[in-house]
Structures are given as structure tokens and as C-alpha cells.
Amino acid sequence: MVNERDTRVIDAEFAFCGPMGFDLGAILENLVLNHLSHFAHTPDPTDRRENQAYLLDLVSEVWSEFARKFETLWIENNRGELVPEPYWRFAGGEEAFAEFRRRYMADLLQDTTGHGGAKMLRRMMGIVSIWDLMSIEDLDERAVAERLAIRIGTRWVVERARITSVEDLVGIVVDETREVEE
């Protein structure tokens, strides 16, 4: 946490300077892992579908709202050294700036997808467990959720270059969980 006068580190063991897509990917993969846990934690099919739909909608909303706010702040505060506002002062510059932002956000979504997938895989295969899945007492049910997480995480990593919208990202989850839903 940083402001003009003070800097504070919270959970320092997890602090690092890295790509923005890492943090965004972490948020989205946590929502997906919680989504998968409902296959075991929510036995009523109607309640489960509602909870899972809510979580997938939240994945979309988190990305969409982040992207909206990020772009608004970028436009309003474009005073940095890389491509400041005067850089875009030419015929067609406004359109070029809009395209630059669009491409940046598209790249960021792909970066988010790759980092989210890698983090999902690390959490399935590493020593740090996730309560959402580890709290599933029935080992067969837990295995279903863990296999889905591995398949989704793998696809997020492998297919990240083909992700063009948050709907593509969510579509992978829907696609991989289709058989469990039936």
C-alpha cells in the first residue's frame, strides 16, 4: 500500500514487482476454483448452478470493470513518459491512441489468462493448498474438481494467445465443466 507519505507491506511473503496480469489472473483463477468447489460443496443442483453462474458472471464483471476503469484513468491521466498526450496530436491521433489502448488491453487479457492458468496449475500441483478444494472430504468428488482445475489451467496457459475476450476465458470453464453439469 503506497501513498504520498507512506508505504506499507501486507503479507510481505507474497510481495513482488511483476506483471499486472499476475494479480488479475490470481483473482480470476480464485473465482474459478471456488466455482469448481461447488460441484461438491453445493449438492442441490439448482443452488449449485446459481452459485456457479454468479461466480462466472463475477469473472466477467471483474475483468470488464477493471478494463473500463483502467482505460478511463489512462485517458484522464495520460501524462506518463512513454506515450503522453502530446504524442497523439496528429490527424488520426485520437483513433490511433484508442487502437493502442485496445491492443494493450487485449495483450493484458492474454497475459492475465496465462498467469491465471499457471497459478491454477501451481495450486493443484504445489504444496500450498486451497481450502475451497481441500475441504471437499469425498476424495472422488475432490478429484473431479482438481482434474477440472488442471484442465482449465492448462487450457488457459496453452490457449492464451487465442483469448480475445473475457467470454473466451469463461467459455473454457463452461466447456470443461459441461460433462459434470449433465
N, C-alpha and C. Protein backbone atom coordinates (compact mmCIF):
# COMPACT_ATOMS: atom_id res chain seq x y z
N MET A 1 0.86 -1.16 0.00
CA MET A 1 0.00 0.00 0.00
C MET A 1 0.91 1.23 0.00
N VAL A 2 0.73 2.07 -1.00
CA VAL A 2 1.60 3.23 -1.16
C VAL A 2 0.75 4.47 -1.33
N ASN A 3 1.16 5.54 -0.65
CA ASN A 3 0.57 6.85 -0.92
C ASN A 3 1.69 7.88 -0.92
N GLU A 4 1.37 9.14 -0.90
CA GLU A 4 2.38 10.19 -1.00
C GLU A 4 3.34 10.20 0.19
N ARG A 5 2.90 9.74 1.36
CA ARG A 5 3.68 9.85 2.58
C ARG A 5 4.14 8.53 3.17
N ASP A 6 3.57 7.41 2.73
CA ASP A 6 3.80 6.18 3.48
C ASP A 6 3.78 4.96 2.56
N THR A 7 4.51 3.95 2.94
CA THR A 7 4.49 2.66 2.25
C THR A 7 4.34 1.57 3.29
N ARG A 8 3.40 0.68 3.08
CA ARG A 8 3.17 -0.45 3.99
C ARG A 8 3.12 -1.74 3.18
N VAL A 9 3.75 -2.78 3.70
CA VAL A 9 3.74 -4.08 3.05
C VAL A 9 2.86 -5.01 3.87
N ILE A 10 1.88 -5.60 3.20
CA ILE A 10 0.96 -6.54 3.84
C ILE A 10 1.22 -7.90 3.22
N ASP A 11 1.36 -8.94 4.03
CA ASP A 11 1.69 -10.27 3.53
C ASP A 11 2.96 -10.20 2.68
N ALA A 12 4.03 -9.74 3.28
CA ALA A 12 5.28 -9.49 2.55
C ALA A 12 5.82 -10.72 1.84
N GLU A 13 5.48 -11.90 2.35
CA GLU A 13 5.99 -13.11 1.70
C GLU A 13 5.45 -13.30 0.29
N PHE A 14 4.39 -12.60 -0.06
CA PHE A 14 3.81 -12.70 -1.39
C PHE A 14 4.10 -11.46 -2.25
N ALA A 15 4.86 -10.50 -1.72
CA ALA A 15 5.10 -9.25 -2.43
C ALA A 15 6.20 -9.41 -3.48
N PHE A 16 5.97 -8.84 -4.65
CA PHE A 16 6.98 -8.78 -5.69
C PHE A 16 6.54 -7.75 -6.72
N CYS A 17 7.49 -7.31 -7.50
CA CYS A 17 7.17 -6.43 -8.63
C CYS A 17 7.09 -7.32 -9.85
N GLY A 18 5.97 -7.31 -10.49
CA GLY A 18 5.80 -8.19 -11.63
C GLY A 18 4.70 -7.69 -12.53
N PRO A 19 4.31 -8.51 -13.48
CA PRO A 19 3.31 -8.10 -14.46
C PRO A 19 1.92 -7.93 -13.84
N MET A 20 1.21 -6.94 -14.34
CA MET A 20 -0.15 -6.68 -13.87
C MET A 20 -1.05 -7.90 -14.06
N GLY A 21 -0.82 -8.66 -15.13
CA GLY A 21 -1.63 -9.83 -15.40
C GLY A 21 -1.56 -10.89 -14.32
N PHE A 22 -0.49 -10.89 -13.53
CA PHE A 22 -0.38 -11.87 -12.45
C PHE A 22 -1.49 -11.66 -11.42
N ASP A 23 -1.64 -10.43 -10.95
CA ASP A 23 -2.67 -10.15 -9.94
C ASP A 23 -4.07 -10.36 -10.49
N LEU A 24 -4.30 -9.90 -11.71
CA LEU A 24 -5.62 -10.10 -12.32
C LEU A 24 -5.90 -11.59 -12.51
N GLY A 25 -4.90 -12.34 -12.99
CA GLY A 25 -5.06 -13.78 -13.16
C GLY A 25 -5.34 -14.48 -11.85
N ALA A 26 -4.70 -14.02 -10.77
CA ALA A 26 -4.91 -14.63 -9.45
C ALA A 26 -6.36 -14.45 -8.99
N ILE A 27 -6.90 -13.28 -9.21
CA ILE A 27 -8.30 -13.03 -8.82
C ILE A 27 -9.24 -13.94 -9.61
N LEU A 28 -9.04 -13.98 -10.93
CA LEU A 28 -9.95 -14.76 -11.77
C LEU A 28 -9.82 -16.25 -11.50
N GLU A 29 -8.60 -16.76 -11.29
CA GLU A 29 -8.44 -18.19 -11.03
C GLU A 29 -9.03 -18.56 -9.69
N ASN A 30 -8.97 -17.67 -8.70
CA ASN A 30 -9.61 -17.96 -7.41
C ASN A 30 -11.12 -18.09 -7.55
N LEU A 31 -11.71 -17.24 -8.36
CA LEU A 31 -13.15 -17.34 -8.60
C LEU A 31 -13.50 -18.65 -9.29
N VAL A 32 -12.66 -19.07 -10.24
CA VAL A 32 -12.92 -20.33 -10.96
C VAL A 32 -12.74 -21.52 -10.02
N LEU A 33 -11.72 -21.50 -9.17
CA LEU A 33 -11.54 -22.62 -8.23
C LEU A 33 -12.73 -22.70 -7.27
N ASN A 34 -13.24 -21.56 -6.84
CA ASN A 34 -14.43 -21.59 -5.99
C ASN A 34 -15.61 -22.15 -6.76
N HIS A 35 -15.75 -21.76 -8.02
CA HIS A 35 -16.79 -22.30 -8.91
C HIS A 35 -16.72 -23.83 -8.93
N LEU A 36 -15.52 -24.37 -9.11
CA LEU A 36 -15.35 -25.82 -9.20
C LEU A 36 -15.68 -26.51 -7.88
N SER A 37 -15.39 -25.86 -6.77
CA SER A 37 -15.66 -26.47 -5.46
C SER A 37 -17.15 -26.71 -5.23
N HIS A 38 -18.00 -25.95 -5.91
CA HIS A 38 -19.44 -26.10 -5.71
C HIS A 38 -19.98 -27.42 -6.24
N PHE A 39 -19.23 -28.11 -7.11
CA PHE A 39 -19.67 -29.43 -7.55
C PHE A 39 -19.79 -30.37 -6.35
N ALA A 40 -18.98 -30.14 -5.33
CA ALA A 40 -19.05 -30.98 -4.12
C ALA A 40 -19.73 -30.25 -2.96
N HIS A 41 -19.49 -28.97 -2.82
CA HIS A 41 -20.00 -28.23 -1.65
C HIS A 41 -21.48 -27.88 -1.74
N THR A 42 -22.05 -27.89 -2.92
CA THR A 42 -23.45 -27.49 -3.07
C THR A 42 -24.20 -28.62 -3.77
N PRO A 43 -24.75 -29.55 -2.99
CA PRO A 43 -25.40 -30.72 -3.59
C PRO A 43 -26.69 -30.42 -4.36
N ASP A 44 -27.43 -29.41 -3.95
CA ASP A 44 -28.66 -29.09 -4.67
C ASP A 44 -28.31 -28.52 -6.04
N PRO A 45 -28.76 -29.18 -7.13
CA PRO A 45 -28.37 -28.74 -8.48
C PRO A 45 -28.77 -27.30 -8.81
N THR A 46 -29.94 -26.88 -8.35
CA THR A 46 -30.40 -25.52 -8.64
C THR A 46 -29.51 -24.50 -7.93
N ASP A 47 -29.27 -24.73 -6.64
CA ASP A 47 -28.38 -23.82 -5.89
C ASP A 47 -26.98 -23.81 -6.49
N ARG A 48 -26.48 -24.98 -6.86
CA ARG A 48 -25.14 -25.07 -7.43
C ARG A 48 -25.05 -24.26 -8.72
N ARG A 49 -26.02 -24.46 -9.62
CA ARG A 49 -26.00 -23.71 -10.88
C ARG A 49 -26.05 -22.20 -10.64
N GLU A 50 -26.87 -21.78 -9.68
CA GLU A 50 -26.96 -20.35 -9.36
C GLU A 50 -25.64 -19.82 -8.83
N ASN A 51 -25.02 -20.55 -7.89
CA ASN A 51 -23.73 -20.13 -7.33
C ASN A 51 -22.66 -20.09 -8.41
N GLN A 52 -22.62 -21.12 -9.24
CA GLN A 52 -21.59 -21.17 -10.27
C GLN A 52 -21.81 -20.10 -11.34
N ALA A 53 -23.06 -19.86 -11.69
CA ALA A 53 -23.35 -18.80 -12.66
C ALA A 53 -22.93 -17.44 -12.10
N TYR A 54 -23.22 -17.23 -10.83
CA TYR A 54 -22.81 -15.99 -10.17
C TYR A 54 -21.29 -15.81 -10.25
N LEU A 55 -20.54 -16.88 -9.95
CA LEU A 55 -19.08 -16.79 -9.96
C LEU A 55 -18.53 -16.54 -11.36
N LEU A 56 -19.09 -17.19 -12.37
CA LEU A 56 -18.63 -16.93 -13.74
C LEU A 56 -19.01 -15.53 -14.21
N ASP A 57 -20.19 -15.06 -13.80
CA ASP A 57 -20.55 -13.67 -14.10
C ASP A 57 -19.58 -12.71 -13.42
N LEU A 58 -19.17 -13.08 -12.20
CA LEU A 58 -18.22 -12.24 -11.46
C LEU A 58 -16.86 -12.19 -12.17
N VAL A 59 -16.42 -13.31 -12.74
CA VAL A 59 -15.19 -13.31 -13.52
C VAL A 59 -15.30 -12.27 -14.63
N SER A 60 -16.40 -12.32 -15.36
CA SER A 60 -16.61 -11.36 -16.45
C SER A 60 -16.69 -9.93 -15.94
N GLU A 61 -17.42 -9.73 -14.86
CA GLU A 61 -17.59 -8.38 -14.32
C GLU A 61 -16.29 -7.81 -13.78
N VAL A 62 -15.50 -8.64 -13.09
CA VAL A 62 -14.22 -8.16 -12.55
C VAL A 62 -13.33 -7.67 -13.70
N TRP A 63 -13.19 -8.50 -14.74
CA TRP A 63 -12.36 -8.08 -15.87
C TRP A 63 -12.95 -6.84 -16.54
N SER A 64 -14.23 -6.86 -16.85
CA SER A 64 -14.85 -5.76 -17.58
C SER A 64 -14.76 -4.45 -16.81
N GLU A 65 -15.02 -4.51 -15.52
CA GLU A 65 -14.97 -3.29 -14.71
C GLU A 65 -13.53 -2.81 -14.56
N PHE A 66 -12.60 -3.74 -14.36
CA PHE A 66 -11.18 -3.35 -14.32
C PHE A 66 -10.80 -2.64 -15.62
N ALA A 67 -11.12 -3.26 -16.76
CA ALA A 67 -10.75 -2.72 -18.06
C ALA A 67 -11.37 -1.34 -18.26
N ARG A 68 -12.63 -1.20 -17.87
CA ARG A 68 -13.31 0.09 -18.03
C ARG A 68 -12.62 1.17 -17.19
N LYS A 69 -12.38 0.87 -15.91
CA LYS A 69 -11.76 1.86 -15.03
C LYS A 69 -10.32 2.16 -15.45
N PHE A 70 -9.59 1.13 -15.84
CA PHE A 70 -8.21 1.31 -16.27
C PHE A 70 -8.15 2.25 -17.46
N GLU A 71 -8.99 2.01 -18.45
CA GLU A 71 -8.98 2.86 -19.65
C GLU A 71 -9.41 4.29 -19.32
N THR A 72 -10.42 4.43 -18.48
CA THR A 72 -10.86 5.78 -18.09
C THR A 72 -9.72 6.54 -17.41
N LEU A 73 -9.06 5.88 -16.47
CA LEU A 73 -7.94 6.53 -15.78
C LEU A 73 -6.79 6.83 -16.73
N TRP A 74 -6.55 5.92 -17.65
CA TRP A 74 -5.48 6.12 -18.64
C TRP A 74 -5.75 7.37 -19.47
N ILE A 75 -6.97 7.50 -19.96
CA ILE A 75 -7.33 8.65 -20.80
C ILE A 75 -7.25 9.95 -19.98
N GLU A 76 -7.78 9.91 -18.77
CA GLU A 76 -7.82 11.11 -17.93
C GLU A 76 -6.45 11.52 -17.42
N ASN A 77 -5.52 10.57 -17.29
CA ASN A 77 -4.22 10.84 -16.66
C ASN A 77 -3.05 10.49 -17.57
N ASN A 78 -3.21 10.65 -18.84
CA ASN A 78 -2.18 10.25 -19.80
C ASN A 78 -1.04 11.27 -19.83
N ARG A 79 -0.27 11.28 -18.74
CA ARG A 79 0.83 12.24 -18.62
C ARG A 79 2.17 11.53 -18.42
N GLY A 80 2.21 10.24 -18.66
CA GLY A 80 3.44 9.49 -18.46
C GLY A 80 4.48 9.79 -19.52
N GLU A 81 5.63 9.14 -19.39
CA GLU A 81 6.74 9.39 -20.29
C GLU A 81 6.69 8.54 -21.56
N LEU A 82 5.98 7.41 -21.55
CA LEU A 82 6.02 6.50 -22.69
C LEU A 82 5.28 7.05 -23.90
N VAL A 83 4.01 7.30 -23.77
CA VAL A 83 3.21 7.85 -24.87
C VAL A 83 2.24 8.89 -24.32
N PRO A 84 2.77 10.04 -23.89
CA PRO A 84 1.90 11.07 -23.31
C PRO A 84 0.97 11.67 -24.34
N GLU A 85 0.04 12.45 -23.85
CA GLU A 85 -1.00 13.05 -24.69
C GLU A 85 -0.44 13.78 -25.90
N PRO A 86 0.64 14.56 -25.78
CA PRO A 86 1.15 15.27 -26.98
C PRO A 86 1.59 14.31 -28.10
N TYR A 87 1.95 13.11 -27.76
CA TYR A 87 2.37 12.12 -28.76
C TYR A 87 1.26 11.84 -29.76
N TRP A 88 0.00 11.96 -29.32
CA TRP A 88 -1.15 11.60 -30.15
C TRP A 88 -1.74 12.80 -30.89
N ARG A 89 -1.07 13.94 -30.85
CA ARG A 89 -1.56 15.15 -31.52
C ARG A 89 -1.16 15.14 -33.00
N PHE A 90 -1.95 14.45 -33.78
CA PHE A 90 -1.78 14.45 -35.23
C PHE A 90 -3.11 14.02 -35.82
N ALA A 91 -3.27 14.24 -37.11
CA ALA A 91 -4.52 13.83 -37.76
C ALA A 91 -4.67 12.33 -37.61
N GLY A 92 -5.76 11.91 -37.01
CA GLY A 92 -5.99 10.48 -36.75
C GLY A 92 -5.37 9.99 -35.45
N GLY A 93 -4.77 10.91 -34.69
CA GLY A 93 -4.11 10.53 -33.44
C GLY A 93 -5.05 9.97 -32.39
N GLU A 94 -6.24 10.54 -32.32
CA GLU A 94 -7.22 10.05 -31.34
C GLU A 94 -7.58 8.59 -31.62
N GLU A 95 -7.80 8.28 -32.88
CA GLU A 95 -8.11 6.89 -33.27
C GLU A 95 -6.91 5.97 -33.03
N ALA A 96 -5.71 6.49 -33.31
CA ALA A 96 -4.50 5.69 -33.08
C ALA A 96 -4.32 5.40 -31.59
N PHE A 97 -4.60 6.39 -30.73
CA PHE A 97 -4.50 6.20 -29.29
C PHE A 97 -5.53 5.17 -28.82
N ALA A 98 -6.73 5.24 -29.36
CA ALA A 98 -7.77 4.26 -28.99
C ALA A 98 -7.34 2.86 -29.41
N GLU A 99 -6.75 2.71 -30.58
CA GLU A 99 -6.28 1.40 -31.05
C GLU A 99 -5.11 0.91 -30.19
N PHE A 100 -4.23 1.81 -29.81
CA PHE A 100 -3.10 1.45 -28.94
C PHE A 100 -3.63 0.90 -27.61
N ARG A 101 -4.62 1.59 -27.03
CA ARG A 101 -5.21 1.13 -25.76
C ARG A 101 -5.91 -0.21 -25.96
N ARG A 102 -6.63 -0.37 -27.06
CA ARG A 102 -7.33 -1.63 -27.32
C ARG A 102 -6.34 -2.79 -27.40
N ARG A 103 -5.25 -2.59 -28.12
CA ARG A 103 -4.24 -3.65 -28.25
C ARG A 103 -3.57 -3.95 -26.90
N TYR A 104 -3.31 -2.89 -26.15
CA TYR A 104 -2.70 -3.08 -24.83
C TYR A 104 -3.62 -3.94 -23.95
N MET A 105 -4.90 -3.63 -23.93
CA MET A 105 -5.85 -4.37 -23.10
C MET A 105 -6.01 -5.80 -23.60
N ALA A 106 -5.96 -6.00 -24.90
CA ALA A 106 -6.04 -7.36 -25.45
C ALA A 106 -4.83 -8.18 -25.00
N ASP A 107 -3.64 -7.57 -25.05
CA ASP A 107 -2.43 -8.24 -24.58
C ASP A 107 -2.51 -8.51 -23.08
N LEU A 108 -3.06 -7.55 -22.33
CA LEU A 108 -3.18 -7.72 -20.88
C LEU A 108 -4.13 -8.88 -20.54
N LEU A 109 -5.21 -9.02 -21.29
CA LEU A 109 -6.14 -10.13 -21.06
C LEU A 109 -5.44 -11.46 -21.33
N GLN A 110 -4.65 -11.53 -22.37
CA GLN A 110 -3.92 -12.77 -22.65
C GLN A 110 -2.88 -13.04 -21.57
N ASP A 111 -2.21 -12.01 -21.10
CA ASP A 111 -1.25 -12.15 -20.01
C ASP A 111 -1.96 -12.62 -18.73
N THR A 112 -3.11 -12.02 -18.46
CA THR A 112 -3.92 -12.41 -17.31
C THR A 112 -4.32 -13.88 -17.40
N THR A 113 -4.72 -14.30 -18.58
CA THR A 113 -5.12 -15.69 -18.80
C THR A 113 -3.96 -16.64 -18.52
N GLY A 114 -2.81 -16.34 -19.06
CA GLY A 114 -1.64 -17.20 -18.86
C GLY A 114 -1.22 -17.27 -17.41
N HIS A 115 -1.16 -16.13 -16.74
CA HIS A 115 -0.78 -16.13 -15.32
C HIS A 115 -1.84 -16.82 -14.46
N GLY A 116 -3.11 -16.58 -14.77
CA GLY A 116 -4.18 -17.25 -14.02
C GLY A 116 -4.11 -18.75 -14.18
N GLY A 117 -3.87 -19.21 -15.40
CA GLY A 117 -3.75 -20.65 -15.64
C GLY A 117 -2.56 -21.24 -14.93
N ALA A 118 -1.40 -20.56 -14.99
CA ALA A 118 -0.20 -21.05 -14.32
C ALA A 118 -0.40 -21.12 -12.81
N LYS A 119 -1.06 -20.11 -12.26
CA LYS A 119 -1.31 -20.10 -10.82
C LYS A 119 -2.28 -21.22 -10.44
N MET A 120 -3.28 -21.45 -11.28
CA MET A 120 -4.23 -22.54 -11.01
C MET A 120 -3.49 -23.88 -11.00
N LEU A 121 -2.62 -24.08 -11.96
CA LEU A 121 -1.86 -25.33 -12.02
C LEU A 121 -0.92 -25.46 -10.82
N ARG A 122 -0.25 -24.38 -10.45
CA ARG A 122 0.64 -24.42 -9.28
C ARG A 122 -0.12 -24.80 -8.02
N ARG A 123 -1.33 -24.29 -7.90
CA ARG A 123 -2.11 -24.58 -6.70
C ARG A 123 -2.61 -26.02 -6.68
N MET A 124 -2.75 -26.63 -7.85
CA MET A 124 -3.16 -28.03 -7.91
C MET A 124 -1.98 -28.97 -7.68
N MET A 125 -0.80 -28.55 -8.07
CA MET A 125 0.36 -29.44 -8.05
C MET A 125 1.42 -29.03 -7.04
N GLY A 126 1.26 -27.90 -6.40
CA GLY A 126 2.25 -27.41 -5.44
C GLY A 126 1.92 -27.81 -4.02
N ILE A 127 2.67 -27.26 -3.08
CA ILE A 127 2.47 -27.63 -1.68
C ILE A 127 1.46 -26.72 -0.98
N VAL A 128 1.15 -25.58 -1.59
CA VAL A 128 0.17 -24.67 -1.00
C VAL A 128 -1.21 -25.07 -1.49
N SER A 129 -2.04 -25.50 -0.57
CA SER A 129 -3.37 -25.99 -0.96
C SER A 129 -4.37 -24.83 -0.96
N ILE A 130 -5.54 -25.13 -1.46
CA ILE A 130 -6.62 -24.15 -1.49
C ILE A 130 -7.81 -24.75 -0.73
N TRP A 131 -8.31 -24.00 0.24
CA TRP A 131 -9.36 -24.51 1.11
C TRP A 131 -10.59 -24.94 0.31
N ASP A 132 -10.95 -24.18 -0.70
CA ASP A 132 -12.16 -24.48 -1.47
C ASP A 132 -12.18 -25.95 -1.91
N LEU A 133 -11.02 -26.46 -2.32
CA LEU A 133 -10.96 -27.85 -2.81
C LEU A 133 -10.53 -28.82 -1.71
N MET A 134 -9.58 -28.42 -0.88
CA MET A 134 -9.11 -29.34 0.16
C MET A 134 -10.19 -29.65 1.19
N SER A 135 -11.18 -28.80 1.31
CA SER A 135 -12.27 -29.03 2.26
C SER A 135 -13.31 -30.00 1.72
N ILE A 136 -13.15 -30.47 0.49
CA ILE A 136 -14.04 -31.49 -0.05
C ILE A 136 -13.59 -32.82 0.53
N GLU A 137 -14.40 -33.38 1.42
CA GLU A 137 -13.99 -34.58 2.14
C GLU A 137 -14.01 -35.84 1.27
N ASP A 138 -14.98 -35.95 0.38
CA ASP A 138 -15.05 -37.11 -0.50
C ASP A 138 -13.94 -36.99 -1.54
N LEU A 139 -12.98 -37.90 -1.48
CA LEU A 139 -11.80 -37.82 -2.36
C LEU A 139 -12.15 -37.95 -3.83
N ASP A 140 -13.18 -38.72 -4.15
CA ASP A 140 -13.60 -38.82 -5.55
C ASP A 140 -14.16 -37.49 -6.05
N GLU A 141 -14.97 -36.82 -5.22
CA GLU A 141 -15.51 -35.51 -5.60
C GLU A 141 -14.39 -34.48 -5.71
N ARG A 142 -13.44 -34.53 -4.77
CA ARG A 142 -12.31 -33.60 -4.81
C ARG A 142 -11.50 -33.82 -6.09
N ALA A 143 -11.32 -35.09 -6.45
CA ALA A 143 -10.55 -35.40 -7.66
C ALA A 143 -11.21 -34.82 -8.91
N VAL A 144 -12.54 -34.84 -8.95
CA VAL A 144 -13.25 -34.26 -10.10
C VAL A 144 -12.93 -32.77 -10.20
N ALA A 145 -13.03 -32.06 -9.11
CA ALA A 145 -12.75 -30.62 -9.11
C ALA A 145 -11.29 -30.34 -9.45
N GLU A 146 -10.38 -31.13 -8.90
CA GLU A 146 -8.95 -30.93 -9.18
C GLU A 146 -8.62 -31.21 -10.64
N ARG A 147 -9.19 -32.27 -11.20
CA ARG A 147 -8.96 -32.56 -12.63
C ARG A 147 -9.48 -31.42 -13.50
N LEU A 148 -10.65 -30.92 -13.16
CA LEU A 148 -11.19 -29.79 -13.93
C LEU A 148 -10.26 -28.58 -13.82
N ALA A 149 -9.76 -28.31 -12.64
CA ALA A 149 -8.85 -27.18 -12.45
C ALA A 149 -7.58 -27.36 -13.30
N ILE A 150 -7.07 -28.57 -13.35
CA ILE A 150 -5.87 -28.83 -14.15
C ILE A 150 -6.16 -28.65 -15.63
N ARG A 151 -7.30 -29.14 -16.07
CA ARG A 151 -7.65 -28.98 -17.50
C ARG A 151 -7.88 -27.51 -17.84
N ILE A 152 -8.60 -26.79 -16.99
CA ILE A 152 -8.87 -25.38 -17.24
C ILE A 152 -7.57 -24.58 -17.19
N GLY A 153 -6.76 -24.80 -16.16
CA GLY A 153 -5.49 -24.10 -16.04
C GLY A 153 -4.59 -24.35 -17.24
N THR A 154 -4.53 -25.61 -17.68
CA THR A 154 -3.72 -25.95 -18.85
C THR A 154 -4.21 -25.21 -20.08
N ARG A 155 -5.51 -25.21 -20.29
CA ARG A 155 -6.05 -24.52 -21.47
C ARG A 155 -5.82 -23.02 -21.39
N TRP A 156 -5.95 -22.44 -20.19
CA TRP A 156 -5.68 -21.00 -20.07
C TRP A 156 -4.25 -20.69 -20.48
N VAL A 157 -3.32 -21.55 -20.09
CA VAL A 157 -1.92 -21.31 -20.45
C VAL A 157 -1.69 -21.55 -21.94
N VAL A 158 -2.12 -22.71 -22.42
CA VAL A 158 -1.84 -23.11 -23.80
C VAL A 158 -2.60 -22.26 -24.81
N GLU A 159 -3.82 -21.88 -24.50
CA GLU A 159 -4.67 -21.17 -25.45
C GLU A 159 -4.70 -19.66 -25.23
N ARG A 160 -3.86 -19.14 -24.36
CA ARG A 160 -3.93 -17.71 -24.01
C ARG A 160 -3.81 -16.79 -25.21
N ALA A 161 -3.05 -17.16 -26.21
CA ALA A 161 -2.87 -16.29 -27.38
C ALA A 161 -4.14 -16.20 -28.23
N ARG A 162 -5.07 -17.12 -28.02
CA ARG A 162 -6.33 -17.09 -28.78
C ARG A 162 -7.45 -16.41 -28.01
N ILE A 163 -7.19 -15.99 -26.79
CA ILE A 163 -8.22 -15.33 -25.97
C ILE A 163 -8.36 -13.89 -26.44
N THR A 164 -9.54 -13.53 -26.90
CA THR A 164 -9.79 -12.17 -27.37
C THR A 164 -10.83 -11.43 -26.54
N SER A 165 -11.47 -12.15 -25.60
CA SER A 165 -12.46 -11.52 -24.73
C SER A 165 -12.57 -12.32 -23.45
N VAL A 166 -13.11 -11.72 -22.44
CA VAL A 166 -13.30 -12.44 -21.18
C VAL A 166 -14.30 -13.58 -21.37
N GLU A 167 -15.18 -13.45 -22.37
CA GLU A 167 -16.11 -14.53 -22.66
C GLU A 167 -15.37 -15.78 -23.14
N ASP A 168 -14.26 -15.60 -23.86
CA ASP A 168 -13.43 -16.74 -24.27
C ASP A 168 -12.87 -17.45 -23.05
N LEU A 169 -12.42 -16.67 -22.09
CA LEU A 169 -11.85 -17.21 -20.85
C LEU A 169 -12.90 -18.01 -20.08
N VAL A 170 -14.06 -17.43 -19.90
CA VAL A 170 -15.17 -18.10 -19.21
C VAL A 170 -15.64 -19.30 -20.04
N GLY A 171 -15.60 -19.17 -21.35
CA GLY A 171 -16.02 -20.27 -22.23
C GLY A 171 -15.22 -21.53 -22.01
N ILE A 172 -13.94 -21.39 -21.68
CA ILE A 172 -13.13 -22.56 -21.39
C ILE A 172 -13.65 -23.26 -20.14
N VAL A 173 -14.02 -22.51 -19.13
CA VAL A 173 -14.57 -23.10 -17.90
C VAL A 173 -15.87 -23.82 -18.21
N VAL A 174 -16.74 -23.16 -18.95
CA VAL A 174 -18.03 -23.76 -19.31
C VAL A 174 -17.81 -25.03 -20.11
N ASP A 175 -16.92 -24.99 -21.07
CA ASP A 175 -16.63 -26.13 -21.91
C ASP A 175 -16.10 -27.32 -21.09
N GLU A 176 -15.17 -27.05 -20.21
CA GLU A 176 -14.55 -28.13 -19.42
C GLU A 176 -15.48 -28.70 -18.36
N THR A 177 -16.45 -27.92 -17.90
CA THR A 177 -17.35 -28.39 -16.84
C THR A 177 -18.66 -28.95 -17.39
N ARG A 178 -18.84 -28.90 -18.70
CA ARG A 178 -20.10 -29.32 -19.32
C ARG A 178 -20.48 -30.74 -18.91
N GLU A 179 -19.54 -31.68 -18.96
CA GLU A 179 -19.85 -33.08 -18.65
C GLU A 179 -20.27 -33.25 -17.19
N VAL A 180 -19.68 -32.50 -16.29
CA VAL A 180 -20.03 -32.61 -14.87
C VAL A 180 -21.42 -32.05 -14.63
N GLU A 181 -21.78 -31.02 -15.39
CA GLU A 181 -23.10 -30.39 -15.26
C GLU A 181 -24.22 -31.34 -15.66
N GLU A 182 -23.96 -32.23 -16.60
CA GLU A 182 -25.03 -33.08 -17.15
C GLU A 182 -25.41 -34.19 -16.22
